[in-house]
Amino acid sequence: MAKEEEKEKPKLSRRARLAREFNAQFVETLTTLLTTAFGLVAAFAWNEVVKGAIDKYIATGSTLVSQFIYALLVTLLAVIISFQLGKIAAIYKVNSDEDGE
């Protein structure tokens, strides 16, 4: 039965393995770049909205507290998005590894 399984899954050539490794590395790098870019864009997009909400609900004199809350909210958003993109990359990598076996 083991020989039948070997026939069903032909071994990949060196070029095909390198192509798969390149694709996996490319997706991983692209995910990192997109995560960073998205974090920057999201920070700029929400900058004034979050500052306005903090100014509305927190006393005007507490600027340090406002800045701290703002930084926490932006960081939380970036972590959530990064985590989700990392899960997508991990799924792609697992699928790529399974194809290579």
C-alpha atoms as a PDB file:
ATOM      1  CA  MET A   1       0.000   0.000   0.000  1.00  0.00           C
ATOM      2  CA  ALA A   2       2.914   2.355   0.682  1.00  0.00           C
ATOM      3  CA  LYS A   3       4.141   1.944  -2.877  1.00  0.00           C
ATOM      4  CA  GLU A   4       0.727   2.900  -4.214  1.00  0.00           C
ATOM      5  CA  GLU A   5       0.833   6.122  -2.197  1.00  0.00           C
ATOM      6  CA  GLU A   6       4.261   6.945  -3.605  1.00  0.00           C
ATOM      7  CA  LYS A   7       2.883   6.630  -7.121  1.00  0.00           C
ATOM      8  CA  GLU A   8      -0.015   8.933  -6.330  1.00  0.00           C
ATOM      9  CA  LYS A   9       2.259  11.702  -5.009  1.00  0.00           C
ATOM     10  CA  PRO A  10       5.181  12.191  -7.338  1.00  0.00           C
ATOM     11  CA  LYS A  11       8.210  13.865  -5.816  1.00  0.00           C
ATOM     12  CA  LEU A  12       8.682  17.459  -6.767  1.00  0.00           C
ATOM     13  CA  SER A  13      11.662  18.492  -8.812  1.00  0.00           C
ATOM     14  CA  ARG A  14      14.218  20.820  -7.284  1.00  0.00           C
ATOM     15  CA  ARG A  15      12.869  23.695  -9.372  1.00  0.00           C
ATOM     16  CA  ALA A  16       9.296  23.040  -8.226  1.00  0.00           C
ATOM     17  CA  ARG A  17      10.374  22.874  -4.560  1.00  0.00           C
ATOM     18  CA  LEU A  18      12.263  26.150  -4.944  1.00  0.00           C
ATOM     19  CA  ALA A  19       9.230  27.735  -6.587  1.00  0.00           C
ATOM     20  CA  ARG A  20       6.991  26.634  -3.693  1.00  0.00           C
ATOM     21  CA  GLU A  21       9.494  27.900  -1.125  1.00  0.00           C
ATOM     22  CA  PHE A  22       9.702  31.201  -2.972  1.00  0.00           C
ATOM     23  CA  ASN A  23       5.906  31.492  -3.059  1.00  0.00           C
ATOM     24  CA  ALA A  24       5.638  30.798   0.671  1.00  0.00           C
ATOM     25  CA  GLN A  25       8.386  33.311   1.486  1.00  0.00           C
ATOM     26  CA  PHE A  26       6.823  35.850  -0.861  1.00  0.00           C
ATOM     27  CA  VAL A  27       3.424  35.549   0.820  1.00  0.00           C
ATOM     28  CA  GLU A  28       5.008  35.801   4.266  1.00  0.00           C
ATOM     29  CA  THR A  29       6.980  38.917   3.310  1.00  0.00           C
ATOM     30  CA  LEU A  30       4.022  40.483   1.556  1.00  0.00           C
ATOM     31  CA  THR A  31       1.857  39.837   4.607  1.00  0.00           C
ATOM     32  CA  THR A  32       4.402  41.580   6.815  1.00  0.00           C
ATOM     33  CA  LEU A  33       4.583  44.566   4.483  1.00  0.00           C
ATOM     34  CA  LEU A  34       0.809  44.808   4.173  1.00  0.00           C
ATOM     35  CA  THR A  35       0.374  44.529   7.927  1.00  0.00           C
ATOM     36  CA  THR A  36       2.782  47.393   8.453  1.00  0.00           C
ATOM     37  CA  ALA A  37       1.206  49.499   5.719  1.00  0.00           C
ATOM     38  CA  PHE A  38      -2.295  48.803   6.977  1.00  0.00           C
ATOM     39  CA  GLY A  39      -1.281  49.757  10.501  1.00  0.00           C
ATOM     40  CA  LEU A  40       0.052  53.073   9.257  1.00  0.00           C
ATOM     41  CA  VAL A  41      -2.981  53.807   7.096  1.00  0.00           C
ATOM     42  CA  ALA A  42      -5.371  52.850   9.883  1.00  0.00           C
ATOM     43  CA  ALA A  43      -3.522  55.080  12.324  1.00  0.00           C
ATOM     44  CA  PHE A  44      -3.798  58.055   9.982  1.00  0.00           C
ATOM     45  CA  ALA A  45      -7.404  57.317   9.060  1.00  0.00           C
ATOM     46  CA  TRP A  46      -8.597  57.046  12.643  1.00  0.00           C
ATOM     47  CA  ASN A  47      -6.309  59.714  14.080  1.00  0.00           C
ATOM     48  CA  GLU A  48      -8.732  62.618  14.146  1.00  0.00           C
ATOM     49  CA  VAL A  49     -11.790  60.487  14.935  1.00  0.00           C
ATOM     50  CA  VAL A  50     -10.220  58.928  18.005  1.00  0.00           C
ATOM     51  CA  LYS A  51      -8.753  62.237  19.178  1.00  0.00           C
ATOM     52  CA  GLY A  52     -12.160  63.883  18.780  1.00  0.00           C
ATOM     53  CA  ALA A  53     -13.899  61.123  20.754  1.00  0.00           C
ATOM     54  CA  ILE A  54     -11.307  61.286  23.530  1.00  0.00           C
ATOM     55  CA  ASP A  55     -11.544  65.077  23.714  1.00  0.00           C
ATOM     56  CA  LYS A  56     -15.329  64.817  23.930  1.00  0.00           C
ATOM     57  CA  TYR A  57     -15.448  62.242  26.737  1.00  0.00           C
ATOM     58  CA  ILE A  58     -12.314  63.118  28.739  1.00  0.00           C
ATOM     59  CA  ALA A  59     -11.631  66.426  30.429  1.00  0.00           C
ATOM     60  CA  THR A  60      -9.688  68.872  28.279  1.00  0.00           C
ATOM     61  CA  GLY A  61      -6.930  69.343  30.865  1.00  0.00           C
ATOM     62  CA  SER A  62      -5.891  65.662  30.888  1.00  0.00           C
ATOM     63  CA  THR A  63      -3.866  65.563  27.668  1.00  0.00           C
ATOM     64  CA  LEU A  64      -1.485  62.840  28.868  1.00  0.00           C
ATOM     65  CA  VAL A  65      -4.401  60.559  29.720  1.00  0.00           C
ATOM     66  CA  SER A  66      -5.962  61.313  26.323  1.00  0.00           C
ATOM     67  CA  GLN A  67      -2.739  60.474  24.511  1.00  0.00           C
ATOM     68  CA  PHE A  68      -2.365  57.252  26.487  1.00  0.00           C
ATOM     69  CA  ILE A  69      -5.896  56.098  25.664  1.00  0.00           C
ATOM     70  CA  TYR A  70      -5.367  57.021  22.020  1.00  0.00           C
ATOM     71  CA  ALA A  71      -2.124  55.016  21.859  1.00  0.00           C
ATOM     72  CA  LEU A  72      -3.810  51.983  23.467  1.00  0.00           C
ATOM     73  CA  LEU A  73      -6.710  52.035  21.007  1.00  0.00           C
ATOM     74  CA  VAL A  74      -4.455  52.304  17.961  1.00  0.00           C
ATOM     75  CA  THR A  75      -2.176  49.557  19.274  1.00  0.00           C
ATOM     76  CA  LEU A  76      -5.126  47.255  19.959  1.00  0.00           C
ATOM     77  CA  LEU A  77      -6.425  47.730  16.423  1.00  0.00           C
ATOM     78  CA  ALA A  78      -2.986  47.059  14.915  1.00  0.00           C
ATOM     79  CA  VAL A  79      -2.530  43.889  16.995  1.00  0.00           C
ATOM     80  CA  ILE A  80      -5.926  42.492  15.988  1.00  0.00           C
ATOM     81  CA  ILE A  81      -5.312  43.111  12.275  1.00  0.00           C
ATOM     82  CA  SER A  82      -1.762  41.727  12.463  1.00  0.00           C
ATOM     83  CA  PHE A  83      -2.981  38.600  14.237  1.00  0.00           C
ATOM     84  CA  GLN A  84      -5.632  37.945  11.598  1.00  0.00           C
ATOM     85  CA  LEU A  85      -3.164  38.406   8.729  1.00  0.00           C
ATOM     86  CA  GLY A  86      -0.698  36.110  10.493  1.00  0.00           C
ATOM     87  CA  LYS A  87      -3.363  33.396  10.694  1.00  0.00           C
ATOM     88  CA  ILE A  88      -3.992  33.729   6.962  1.00  0.00           C
ATOM     89  CA  ALA A  89      -0.270  33.411   6.240  1.00  0.00           C
ATOM     90  CA  ALA A  90      -0.020  30.361   8.524  1.00  0.00           C
ATOM     91  CA  ILE A  91      -2.886  28.662   6.705  1.00  0.00           C
ATOM     92  CA  TYR A  92      -1.173  29.312   3.384  1.00  0.00           C
ATOM     93  CA  LYS A  93       2.120  27.967   4.709  1.00  0.00           C
ATOM     94  CA  VAL A  94       0.483  24.785   6.086  1.00  0.00           C
ATOM     95  CA  ASN A  95      -1.246  24.177   2.752  1.00  0.00           C
ATOM     96  CA  SER A  96       2.028  24.766   0.928  1.00  0.00           C
ATOM     97  CA  ASP A  97       3.889  22.357   3.232  1.00  0.00           C
ATOM     98  CA  GLU A  98       1.252  19.665   2.744  1.00  0.00           C
ATOM     99  CA  ASP A  99       1.563  19.969  -1.042  1.00  0.00           C
ATOM    100  CA  GLY A 100       5.329  19.564  -0.799  1.00  0.00           C
ATOM    101  CA  GLU A 101       5.274  16.303   1.165  1.00  0.00           C
END
